[in-house]
PDB file of N, CA and C in Angstrom:
ATOM      1  N   MET A   1    -105.718 172.908  -6.768  1.00  0.00           N
ATOM      2  CA  MET A   1    -104.061 172.951  -7.301  1.00  0.00           C
ATOM      3  C   MET A   1    -104.248 171.746  -8.669  1.00  0.00           C
ATOM      4  N   ILE A   2    -103.401 172.079  -9.333  1.00  0.00           N
ATOM      5  CA  ILE A   2    -102.991 171.266 -10.447  1.00  0.00           C
ATOM      6  C   ILE A   2    -101.380 170.657 -10.378  1.00  0.00           C
ATOM      7  N   THR A   3    -101.256 169.559 -10.547  1.00  0.00           N
ATOM      8  CA  THR A   3    -100.005 168.912 -10.529  1.00  0.00           C
ATOM      9  C   THR A   3     -99.458 168.683 -11.876  1.00  0.00           C
ATOM     10  N   LEU A   4     -98.409 169.249 -12.370  1.00  0.00           N
ATOM     11  CA  LEU A   4     -97.548 169.352 -13.633  1.00  0.00           C
ATOM     12  C   LEU A   4     -96.557 168.158 -13.619  1.00  0.00           C
ATOM     13  N   LYS A   5     -96.503 167.445 -14.647  1.00  0.00           N
ATOM     14  CA  LYS A   5     -95.328 166.636 -14.278  1.00  0.00           C
ATOM     15  C   LYS A   5     -94.759 166.655 -16.058  1.00  0.00           C
ATOM     16  N   LEU A   6     -93.135 166.668 -15.897  1.00  0.00           N
ATOM     17  CA  LEU A   6     -92.557 166.381 -17.311  1.00  0.00           C
ATOM     18  C   LEU A   6     -91.613 165.035 -17.146  1.00  0.00           C
ATOM     19  N   PHE A   7     -91.573 164.357 -18.317  1.00  0.00           N
ATOM     20  CA  PHE A   7     -90.867 163.122 -18.369  1.00  0.00           C
ATOM     21  C   PHE A   7     -89.575 163.419 -19.187  1.00  0.00           C
ATOM     22  N   ALA A   8     -88.510 162.400 -18.941  1.00  0.00           N
ATOM     23  CA  ALA A   8     -87.640 162.179 -19.708  1.00  0.00           C
ATOM     24  C   ALA A   8     -86.727 163.402 -20.073  1.00  0.00           C
ATOM     25  N   SER A   9     -86.637 163.657 -21.266  1.00  0.00           N
ATOM     26  CA  SER A   9     -85.640 164.551 -21.793  1.00  0.00           C
ATOM     27  C   SER A   9     -86.427 166.097 -21.720  1.00  0.00           C
ATOM     28  N   LEU A  10     -87.833 166.102 -21.339  1.00  0.00           N
ATOM     29  CA  LEU A  10     -88.249 167.366 -21.260  1.00  0.00           C
ATOM     30  C   LEU A  10     -88.141 167.740 -19.930  1.00  0.00           C
ATOM     31  N   ALA A  11     -87.950 166.991 -18.866  1.00  0.00           N
ATOM     32  CA  ALA A  11     -87.714 167.236 -17.403  1.00  0.00           C
ATOM     33  C   ALA A  11     -86.275 167.766 -17.469  1.00  0.00           C
ATOM     34  N   GLU A  12     -85.200 167.069 -18.216  1.00  0.00           N
ATOM     35  CA  GLU A  12     -83.859 167.490 -18.115  1.00  0.00           C
ATOM     36  C   GLU A  12     -83.881 168.706 -18.908  1.00  0.00           C
ATOM     37  N   THR A  13     -84.551 168.957 -20.089  1.00  0.00           N
ATOM     38  CA  THR A  13     -84.210 170.445 -20.738  1.00  0.00           C
ATOM     39  C   THR A  13     -84.702 171.412 -19.841  1.00  0.00           C
ATOM     40  N   HIS A  14     -85.981 171.211 -19.131  1.00  0.00           N
ATOM     41  CA  HIS A  14     -86.525 172.718 -18.372  1.00  0.00           C
ATOM     42  C   HIS A  14     -86.251 172.590 -16.793  1.00  0.00           C
ATOM     43  N   GLY A  15     -85.482 171.568 -16.363  1.00  0.00           N
ATOM     44  CA  GLY A  15     -84.788 171.582 -15.085  1.00  0.00           C
ATOM     45  C   GLY A  15     -85.818 171.504 -14.076  1.00  0.00           C
ATOM     46  N   TRP A  16     -87.048 170.724 -14.094  1.00  0.00           N
ATOM     47  CA  TRP A  16     -87.658 170.361 -13.273  1.00  0.00           C
ATOM     48  C   TRP A  16     -88.670 168.970 -13.715  1.00  0.00           C
ATOM     49  N   ARG A  17     -89.100 167.973 -12.787  1.00  0.00           N
ATOM     50  CA  ARG A  17     -89.984 166.914 -12.987  1.00  0.00           C
ATOM     51  C   ARG A  17     -91.616 167.108 -12.720  1.00  0.00           C
ATOM     52  N   GLU A  18     -91.664 167.895 -11.410  1.00  0.00           N
ATOM     53  CA  GLU A  18     -92.938 167.959 -10.979  1.00  0.00           C
ATOM     54  C   GLU A  18     -93.126 169.325 -10.144  1.00  0.00           C
ATOM     55  N   ARG A  19     -94.204 170.014 -10.526  1.00  0.00           N
ATOM     56  CA  ARG A  19     -94.786 171.233  -9.649  1.00  0.00           C
ATOM     57  C   ARG A  19     -96.281 171.134  -9.598  1.00  0.00           C
ATOM     58  N   GLU A  20     -96.456 172.028  -8.573  1.00  0.00           N
ATOM     59  CA  GLU A  20     -97.962 172.209  -8.176  1.00  0.00           C
ATOM     60  C   GLU A  20     -98.366 173.597  -8.370  1.00  0.00           C
ATOM     61  N   ARG A  21     -99.522 173.966  -9.090  1.00  0.00           N
ATOM     62  CA  ARG A  21     -99.851 175.203  -9.520  1.00  0.00           C
ATOM     63  C   ARG A  21    -101.241 175.300  -9.098  1.00  0.00           C
ATOM     64  N   THR A  22    -101.791 176.624  -8.662  1.00  0.00           N
ATOM     65  CA  THR A  22    -102.971 176.932  -8.430  1.00  0.00           C
ATOM     66  C   THR A  22    -103.755 176.915  -9.802  1.00  0.00           C
ATOM     67  N   TRP A  23    -105.139 176.429  -9.788  1.00  0.00           N
ATOM     68  CA  TRP A  23    -106.074 176.231 -10.854  1.00  0.00           C
ATOM     69  C   TRP A  23    -106.639 177.647 -11.412  1.00  0.00           C
ATOM     70  N   VAL A  24    -106.781 178.032 -12.245  1.00  0.00           N
ATOM     71  CA  VAL A  24    -107.186 179.210 -12.789  1.00  0.00           C
ATOM     72  C   VAL A  24    -108.420 178.901 -13.809  1.00  0.00           C
ATOM     73  N   ALA A  25    -109.521 179.166 -13.520  1.00  0.00           N
ATOM     74  CA  ALA A  25    -110.988 178.839 -14.630  1.00  0.00           C
ATOM     75  C   ALA A  25    -110.470 178.979 -16.198  1.00  0.00           C
ATOM     76  N   GLY A  26    -110.973 178.587 -16.788  1.00  0.00           N
ATOM     77  CA  GLY A  26    -110.302 178.486 -18.393  1.00  0.00           C
ATOM     78  C   GLY A  26    -109.146 178.191 -18.726  1.00  0.00           C
ATOM     79  N   THR A  27    -108.402 177.590 -17.870  1.00  0.00           N
ATOM     80  CA  THR A  27    -106.958 177.098 -18.254  1.00  0.00           C
ATOM     81  C   THR A  27    -107.103 175.758 -19.033  1.00  0.00           C
ATOM     82  N   ARG A  28    -106.173 175.693 -19.983  1.00  0.00           N
ATOM     83  CA  ARG A  28    -106.014 174.407 -20.950  1.00  0.00           C
ATOM     84  C   ARG A  28    -104.552 174.010 -20.844  1.00  0.00           C
ATOM     85  N   VAL A  29    -104.491 172.808 -21.014  1.00  0.00           N
ATOM     86  CA  VAL A  29    -103.172 171.969 -21.045  1.00  0.00           C
ATOM     87  C   VAL A  29    -102.233 172.921 -21.795  1.00  0.00           C
ATOM     88  N   ILE A  30    -102.575 173.331 -22.840  1.00  0.00           N
ATOM     89  CA  ILE A  30    -101.484 173.985 -23.664  1.00  0.00           C
ATOM     90  C   ILE A  30    -101.201 175.244 -22.872  1.00  0.00           C
ATOM     91  N   ASP A  31    -102.103 175.788 -22.081  1.00  0.00           N
ATOM     92  CA  ASP A  31    -101.619 177.232 -21.569  1.00  0.00           C
ATOM     93  C   ASP A  31    -100.701 176.789 -20.343  1.00  0.00           C
ATOM     94  N   LEU A  32    -100.928 175.764 -19.575  1.00  0.00           N
ATOM     95  CA  LEU A  32     -99.806 175.444 -18.783  1.00  0.00           C
ATOM     96  C   LEU A  32     -98.368 175.181 -19.265  1.00  0.00           C
ATOM     97  N   TRP A  33     -98.538 174.537 -20.399  1.00  0.00           N
ATOM     98  CA  TRP A  33     -97.420 174.358 -20.988  1.00  0.00           C
ATOM     99  C   TRP A  33     -96.497 175.518 -21.297  1.00  0.00           C
ATOM    100  N   CYS A  34     -97.073 176.339 -22.038  1.00  0.00           N
ATOM    101  CA  CYS A  34     -96.470 177.689 -22.161  1.00  0.00           C
ATOM    102  C   CYS A  34     -96.200 178.713 -20.807  1.00  0.00           C
ATOM    103  N   ALA A  35     -97.049 178.625 -19.902  1.00  0.00           N
ATOM    104  CA  ALA A  35     -96.900 179.196 -18.735  1.00  0.00           C
ATOM    105  C   ALA A  35     -95.482 178.923 -18.149  1.00  0.00           C
ATOM    106  N   GLU A  36     -95.184 177.555 -17.853  1.00  0.00           N
ATOM    107  CA  GLU A  36     -94.445 176.859 -17.052  1.00  0.00           C
ATOM    108  C   GLU A  36     -93.036 176.723 -17.931  1.00  0.00           C
ATOM    109  N   THR A  37     -92.888 176.669 -19.462  1.00  0.00           N
ATOM    110  CA  THR A  37     -91.800 176.500 -19.983  1.00  0.00           C
ATOM    111  C   THR A  37     -91.490 177.705 -20.588  1.00  0.00           C
ATOM    112  N   GLY A  38     -92.351 178.726 -20.781  1.00  0.00           N
ATOM    113  CA  GLY A  38     -91.988 179.890 -21.678  1.00  0.00           C
ATOM    114  C   GLY A  38     -91.875 179.713 -23.154  1.00  0.00           C
ATOM    115  N   GLN A  39     -92.246 178.706 -23.637  1.00  0.00           N
ATOM    116  CA  GLN A  39     -92.307 178.784 -24.835  1.00  0.00           C
ATOM    117  C   GLN A  39     -93.852 178.982 -25.482  1.00  0.00           C
ATOM    118  N   SER A  40     -93.814 179.414 -26.797  1.00  0.00           N
ATOM    119  CA  SER A  40     -95.268 179.885 -27.138  1.00  0.00           C
ATOM    120  C   SER A  40     -95.971 178.822 -27.702  1.00  0.00           C
ATOM    121  N   GLY A  41     -95.674 177.514 -27.553  1.00  0.00           N
ATOM    122  CA  GLY A  41     -96.358 176.549 -28.236  1.00  0.00           C
ATOM    123  C   GLY A  41     -95.806 175.246 -27.806  1.00  0.00           C
ATOM    124  N   LEU A  42     -96.872 173.982 -27.985  1.00  0.00           N
ATOM    125  CA  LEU A  42     -96.072 172.836 -27.730  1.00  0.00           C
ATOM    126  C   LEU A  42     -95.158 172.327 -28.824  1.00  0.00           C
ATOM    127  N   PRO A  43     -94.060 171.683 -28.590  1.00  0.00           N
ATOM    128  CA  PRO A  43     -93.043 171.218 -29.435  1.00  0.00           C
ATOM    129  C   PRO A  43     -93.796 170.014 -30.364  1.00  0.00           C
ATOM    130  N   ALA A  44     -93.609 169.579 -31.486  1.00  0.00           N
ATOM    131  CA  ALA A  44     -93.961 168.775 -32.453  1.00  0.00           C
ATOM    132  C   ALA A  44     -93.786 167.475 -31.744  1.00  0.00           C
ATOM    133  N   ARG A  45     -94.774 166.565 -31.824  1.00  0.00           N
ATOM    134  CA  ARG A  45     -95.021 165.147 -31.108  1.00  0.00           C
ATOM    135  C   ARG A  45     -94.932 165.317 -29.676  1.00  0.00           C
ATOM    136  N   VAL A  46     -94.625 166.112 -28.980  1.00  0.00           N
ATOM    137  CA  VAL A  46     -94.618 166.083 -27.479  1.00  0.00           C
ATOM    138  C   VAL A  46     -96.284 165.724 -27.032  1.00  0.00           C
ATOM    139  N   LEU A  47     -96.296 164.731 -26.398  1.00  0.00           N
ATOM    140  CA  LEU A  47     -97.778 163.812 -26.005  1.00  0.00           C
ATOM    141  C   LEU A  47     -97.983 164.646 -24.548  1.00  0.00           C
ATOM    142  N   CYS A  48     -99.611 165.114 -24.341  1.00  0.00           N
ATOM    143  CA  CYS A  48    -100.137 165.328 -23.204  1.00  0.00           C
ATOM    144  C   CYS A  48    -100.923 164.611 -22.784  1.00  0.00           C
ATOM    145  N   ALA A  49    -101.190 164.074 -21.347  1.00  0.00           N
ATOM    146  CA  ALA A  49    -102.211 163.441 -20.618  1.00  0.00           C
ATOM    147  C   ALA A  49    -102.707 164.289 -19.570  1.00  0.00           C
ATOM    148  N   ARG A  50    -103.871 164.062 -19.472  1.00  0.00           N
ATOM    149  CA  ARG A  50    -104.766 164.687 -18.376  1.00  0.00           C
ATOM    150  C   ARG A  50    -105.161 163.435 -17.415  1.00  0.00           C
ATOM    151  N   ASN A  51    -104.825 163.409 -16.188  1.00  0.00           N
ATOM    152  CA  ASN A  51    -105.310 162.277 -15.276  1.00  0.00           C
ATOM    153  C   ASN A  51    -104.866 160.847 -15.743  1.00  0.00           C
ATOM    154  N   MET A  52    -103.734 160.665 -16.573  1.00  0.00           N
ATOM    155  CA  MET A  52    -103.159 159.229 -17.050  1.00  0.00           C
ATOM    156  C   MET A  52    -104.085 159.270 -18.446  1.00  0.00           C
ATOM    157  N   ASP A  53    -104.889 159.931 -19.032  1.00  0.00           N
ATOM    158  CA  ASP A  53    -105.351 159.649 -20.341  1.00  0.00           C
ATOM    159  C   ASP A  53    -104.695 160.669 -21.180  1.00  0.00           C
ATOM    160  N   TYR A  54    -104.118 160.190 -22.610  1.00  0.00           N
ATOM    161  CA  TYR A  54    -103.674 161.069 -23.613  1.00  0.00           C
ATOM    162  C   TYR A  54    -104.970 161.791 -24.021  1.00  0.00           C
ATOM    163  N   CYS A  55    -104.392 163.379 -24.051  1.00  0.00           N
ATOM    164  CA  CYS A  55    -105.554 164.271 -24.552  1.00  0.00           C
ATOM    165  C   CYS A  55    -104.790 165.453 -25.412  1.00  0.00           C
ATOM    166  N   PRO A  56    -105.792 166.073 -26.174  1.00  0.00           N
ATOM    167  CA  PRO A  56    -105.249 167.145 -27.049  1.00  0.00           C
ATOM    168  C   PRO A  56    -104.829 168.274 -26.076  1.00  0.00           C
ATOM    169  N   PRO A  57    -103.851 169.057 -26.528  1.00  0.00           N
ATOM    170  CA  PRO A  57    -103.476 170.613 -25.992  1.00  0.00           C
ATOM    171  C   PRO A  57    -104.504 171.359 -25.437  1.00  0.00           C
ATOM    172  N   GLU A  58    -105.742 171.239 -25.981  1.00  0.00           N
ATOM    173  CA  GLU A  58    -106.860 172.272 -25.899  1.00  0.00           C
ATOM    174  C   GLU A  58    -107.788 171.901 -24.687  1.00  0.00           C
ATOM    175  N   THR A  59    -107.531 170.658 -24.170  1.00  0.00           N
ATOM    176  CA  THR A  59    -108.541 170.190 -22.984  1.00  0.00           C
ATOM    177  C   THR A  59    -108.081 170.938 -22.156  1.00  0.00           C
ATOM    178  N   PRO A  60    -109.462 171.294 -21.514  1.00  0.00           N
ATOM    179  CA  PRO A  60    -109.478 172.198 -20.328  1.00  0.00           C
ATOM    180  C   PRO A  60    -109.123 171.380 -18.926  1.00  0.00           C
ATOM    181  N   VAL A  61    -108.646 172.218 -18.019  1.00  0.00           N
ATOM    182  CA  VAL A  61    -108.020 171.796 -16.846  1.00  0.00           C
ATOM    183  C   VAL A  61    -108.666 171.906 -15.825  1.00  0.00           C
ATOM    184  N   PHE A  62    -108.947 171.252 -14.746  1.00  0.00           N
ATOM    185  CA  PHE A  62    -109.730 171.330 -13.708  1.00  0.00           C
ATOM    186  C   PHE A  62    -108.829 171.174 -12.077  1.00  0.00           C
ATOM    187  N   PRO A  63    -109.475 171.786 -11.130  1.00  0.00           N
ATOM    188  CA  PRO A  63    -108.935 171.279  -9.785  1.00  0.00           C
ATOM    189  C   PRO A  63    -108.776 169.844  -9.652  1.00  0.00           C
ATOM    190  N   GLY A  64    -107.358 169.364  -9.051  1.00  0.00           N
ATOM    191  CA  GLY A  64    -106.962 168.372  -8.705  1.00  0.00           C
ATOM    192  C   GLY A  64    -106.498 167.616  -9.926  1.00  0.00           C
ATOM    193  N   ASP A  65    -106.545 168.102 -10.990  1.00  0.00           N
ATOM    194  CA  ASP A  65    -106.036 167.247 -12.231  1.00  0.00           C
ATOM    195  C   ASP A  65    -104.346 167.446 -12.273  1.00  0.00           C
ATOM    196  N   GLU A  66    -103.864 166.156 -12.778  1.00  0.00           N
ATOM    197  CA  GLU A  66    -102.501 165.897 -13.156  1.00  0.00           C
ATOM    198  C   GLU A  66    -102.463 165.794 -14.559  1.00  0.00           C
ATOM    199  N   ILE A  67    -101.554 167.007 -14.964  1.00  0.00           N
ATOM    200  CA  ILE A  67    -101.070 166.923 -16.328  1.00  0.00           C
ATOM    201  C   ILE A  67     -99.595 166.529 -16.503  1.00  0.00           C
ATOM    202  N   ALA A  68     -99.486 165.915 -17.624  1.00  0.00           N
ATOM    203  CA  ALA A  68     -98.341 165.285 -17.869  1.00  0.00           C
ATOM    204  C   ALA A  68     -97.757 165.503 -19.281  1.00  0.00           C
ATOM    205  N   PHE A  69     -96.624 165.735 -19.573  1.00  0.00           N
ATOM    206  CA  PHE A  69     -96.171 165.670 -20.971  1.00  0.00           C
ATOM    207  C   PHE A  69     -95.005 164.816 -20.986  1.00  0.00           C
ATOM    208  N   PHE A  70     -95.166 164.219 -22.249  1.00  0.00           N
ATOM    209  CA  PHE A  70     -94.127 163.030 -22.682  1.00  0.00           C
ATOM    210  C   PHE A  70     -93.289 163.575 -23.941  1.00  0.00           C
ATOM    211  N   PRO A  71     -92.033 163.318 -23.923  1.00  0.00           N
ATOM    212  CA  PRO A  71     -91.338 163.758 -25.145  1.00  0.00           C
ATOM    213  C   PRO A  71     -91.703 162.588 -26.290  1.00  0.00           C
ATOM    214  N   PRO A  72     -91.337 162.881 -27.464  1.00  0.00           N
ATOM    215  CA  PRO A  72     -91.599 161.776 -28.385  1.00  0.00           C
ATOM    216  C   PRO A  72     -90.648 160.840 -28.287  1.00  0.00           C
ATOM    217  N   VAL A  73     -91.274 159.536 -28.572  1.00  0.00           N
ATOM    218  CA  VAL A  73     -90.928 158.155 -28.109  1.00  0.00           C
ATOM    219  C   VAL A  73     -90.566 157.489 -29.528  1.00  0.00           C
ATOM    220  N   THR A  74     -89.390 157.111 -29.508  1.00  0.00           N
ATOM    221  CA  THR A  74     -88.754 156.654 -30.635  1.00  0.00           C
ATOM    222  C   THR A  74     -88.409 154.863 -30.453  1.00  0.00           C
ATOM    223  N   GLY A  75     -88.615 154.217 -31.569  1.00  0.00           N
ATOM    224  CA  GLY A  75     -88.467 152.705 -31.238  1.00  0.00           C
ATOM    225  C   GLY A  75     -87.210 152.318 -32.040  1.00  0.00           C
ATOM    226  N   GLY A  76     -86.553 151.157 -31.276  1.00  0.00           N
ATOM    227  CA  GLY A  76     -85.537 150.685 -32.015  1.00  0.00           C
ATOM    228  C   GLY A  76     -85.744 149.604 -33.500  1.00  0.00           C
ATOM    229  N   SER A  77     -84.922 149.501 -34.001  1.00  0.00           N
ATOM    230  CA  SER A  77     -85.002 148.455 -35.372  1.00  0.00           C
ATOM    231  C   SER A  77     -85.109 147.073 -34.807  1.00  0.00           C
ATOM    232  N   HIS A  78     -85.804 146.180 -35.501  1.00  0.00           N
ATOM    233  CA  HIS A  78     -85.859 144.810 -34.951  1.00  0.00           C
ATOM    234  C   HIS A  78     -85.240 144.077 -36.264  1.00  0.00           C
ATOM    235  N   ALA A  79     -84.021 143.567 -35.646  1.00  0.00           N
ATOM    236  CA  ALA A  79     -83.513 142.659 -36.616  1.00  0.00           C
ATOM    237  C   ALA A  79     -84.420 141.597 -37.107  1.00  0.00           C
ATOM    238  N   ARG A  80     -83.912 141.126 -38.424  1.00  0.00           N
ATOM    239  CA  ARG A  80     -85.038 140.117 -39.032  1.00  0.00           C
ATOM    240  C   ARG A  80     -84.145 139.179 -39.791  1.00  0.00           C
TER     241      ARG A  80
END
């Protein structure tokens, strides 16, 4: 099994925060995103992580992995 997690606005947009899926040999992080969201690619600036380490979307996935997707993060301005 693989655990998938969406955070913040991604979870709100797609209507779920966590799912478990059966692992299939040859699966990559981007494949999971496309299969679970119905989108043909990863939106700009969305970050991916495999087992709590940021990774590129082409990263292979293995049984027991936790895959997470994070929306773009913006920072506030600092008064000077």
